[in-house]
Protein backbone atom coordinates (compact mmCIF):
# COMPACT_ATOMS: atom_id res chain seq x y z
CA UNK A 1 12.31 13.90 9.62
CA UNK A 2 9.57 10.80 9.77
CA UNK A 3 6.53 11.64 8.00
CA UNK A 4 4.58 10.86 11.57
CA UNK A 5 6.89 13.51 13.53
CA UNK A 6 6.31 16.43 10.53
CA UNK A 7 2.68 15.58 11.61
CA UNK A 8 3.25 16.09 15.18
CA UNK A 9 5.18 19.75 14.60
CA UNK A 10 2.58 20.68 12.43
CA UNK A 11 -0.44 20.39 14.62
CA UNK A 12 1.80 21.23 17.50
CA UNK A 13 1.83 24.47 15.51
CA UNK A 14 -1.41 24.95 14.22
CA UNK A 15 -2.69 24.18 17.89
CA UNK A 16 -0.26 27.10 19.11
CA UNK A 17 -1.88 29.73 16.26
CA UNK A 18 -4.39 28.55 17.01
CA UNK A 19 -5.29 29.21 20.52
CA UNK A 20 -3.05 32.23 20.50
CA UNK A 21 -5.35 33.92 17.27
CA UNK A 22 -8.75 32.84 19.71
CA UNK A 23 -6.70 34.26 23.45
CA UNK A 24 -5.12 37.54 21.86
CA UNK A 25 -6.94 38.18 19.24
CA UNK A 26 -5.85 37.78 15.42
CA UNK A 27 -3.42 39.71 13.82
CA UNK A 28 -2.83 39.71 9.92
CA UNK A 29 0.69 38.03 10.60
CA UNK A 30 -0.86 35.77 12.85
CA UNK A 31 -4.00 34.90 10.34
CA UNK A 32 -0.75 34.71 7.65
CA UNK A 33 0.33 32.31 9.82
CA UNK A 34 -2.43 30.09 10.34
CA UNK A 35 -3.25 29.98 6.39
CA UNK A 36 0.54 29.07 5.63
CA UNK A 37 0.36 25.80 7.89
CA UNK A 38 -2.80 24.75 6.19
CA UNK A 39 -1.01 25.08 2.60
CA UNK A 40 1.78 23.22 4.19
CA UNK A 41 -0.42 20.42 6.10
CA UNK A 42 -2.39 20.53 2.55
CA UNK A 43 0.97 19.91 0.26
CA UNK A 44 2.34 17.42 3.05
CA UNK A 45 -0.77 15.01 2.96
CA UNK A 46 -0.89 15.74 -0.90
CA UNK A 47 2.36 13.81 -1.72
CA UNK A 48 1.74 11.49 0.86
CA UNK A 49 -1.55 10.25 -0.14
CA UNK A 50 0.47 10.17 -4.14
CA UNK A 51 3.28 8.18 -3.01
CA UNK A 52 0.72 5.69 -0.63
CA UNK A 53 -1.37 5.08 -4.03
CA UNK A 54 1.75 4.73 -5.89
CA UNK A 55 3.25 1.74 -3.31
CA UNK A 56 -0.06 0.75 -3.60
CA UNK A 57 -0.15 0.15 -6.93
CA UNK A 58 3.22 -1.47 -7.02
CA UNK A 59 2.09 -3.93 -4.71
CA UNK A 60 -1.15 -4.56 -6.10
CA UNK A 61 1.35 -4.81 -9.52
CA UNK A 62 4.01 -7.40 -7.78
CA UNK A 63 1.49 -9.95 -6.14
CA UNK A 64 -0.26 -10.36 -9.54
CA UNK A 65 2.74 -11.14 -11.06
CA UNK A 66 3.68 -14.17 -8.26
CA UNK A 67 0.20 -15.05 -8.56
CA UNK A 68 0.39 -15.50 -12.47
CA UNK A 69 3.48 -16.73 -11.92
CA UNK A 70 2.33 -19.64 -9.24
CA UNK A 71 -0.74 -20.05 -11.94
CA UNK A 72 1.85 -20.83 -14.60
CA UNK A 73 3.86 -23.53 -12.56
CA UNK A 74 0.81 -24.76 -11.28
CA UNK A 75 -1.13 -25.50 -15.15
CA UNK A 76 2.81 -26.81 -16.26
CA UNK A 77 2.05 -29.53 -13.18
CA UNK A 78 -1.19 -30.79 -14.29
CA UNK A 79 -0.57 -31.05 -17.37
CA UNK A 80 0.52 -34.94 -18.21
CA UNK A 81 3.70 -36.03 -19.21
CA UNK A 82 5.41 -39.30 -20.92
CA UNK A 83 6.46 -39.69 -17.45
CA UNK A 84 2.68 -39.55 -16.40
CA UNK A 85 1.62 -43.31 -16.97
CA UNK A 86 -0.99 -43.44 -14.55
CA UNK A 87 -3.06 -41.25 -17.08
CA UNK A 88 -1.34 -42.16 -20.54
CA UNK A 89 -2.97 -46.15 -19.14
CA UNK A 90 -5.96 -44.49 -18.94
CA UNK A 91 -6.08 -45.47 -15.44
CA UNK A 92 -7.29 -42.58 -13.99
CA UNK A 93 -6.16 -40.24 -11.56
CA UNK A 94 -3.82 -41.02 -9.64
CA UNK A 95 -3.75 -42.38 -6.52
CA UNK A 96 -3.74 -39.75 -3.42
CA UNK A 97 -1.98 -40.52 -0.27
CA UNK A 98 -2.01 -44.09 -1.09
CA UNK A 99 0.29 -47.35 -1.15
CA UNK A 100 0.17 -48.70 -5.21
């Protein structure tokens, strides 16, 4: 069952019990059912929040890893090499987008 379906089902059950609780008068059985539903909902939300936080941290770590890899590649590309004749000969930065 999808999380959204479980939430909708719980809310419907809570609404039904609440209406029964108010309209027909509360019985100990009804009060216990309402309390059980609240506890189930707390458990469901607690688990959902924990999973979302874990997923968020994993996504952040994945993005940080990708950023670091691209930064390493950028630094490597910006480092002068033996083939960079313009910089080696003191000619400054190579022309960008123009003809030599």
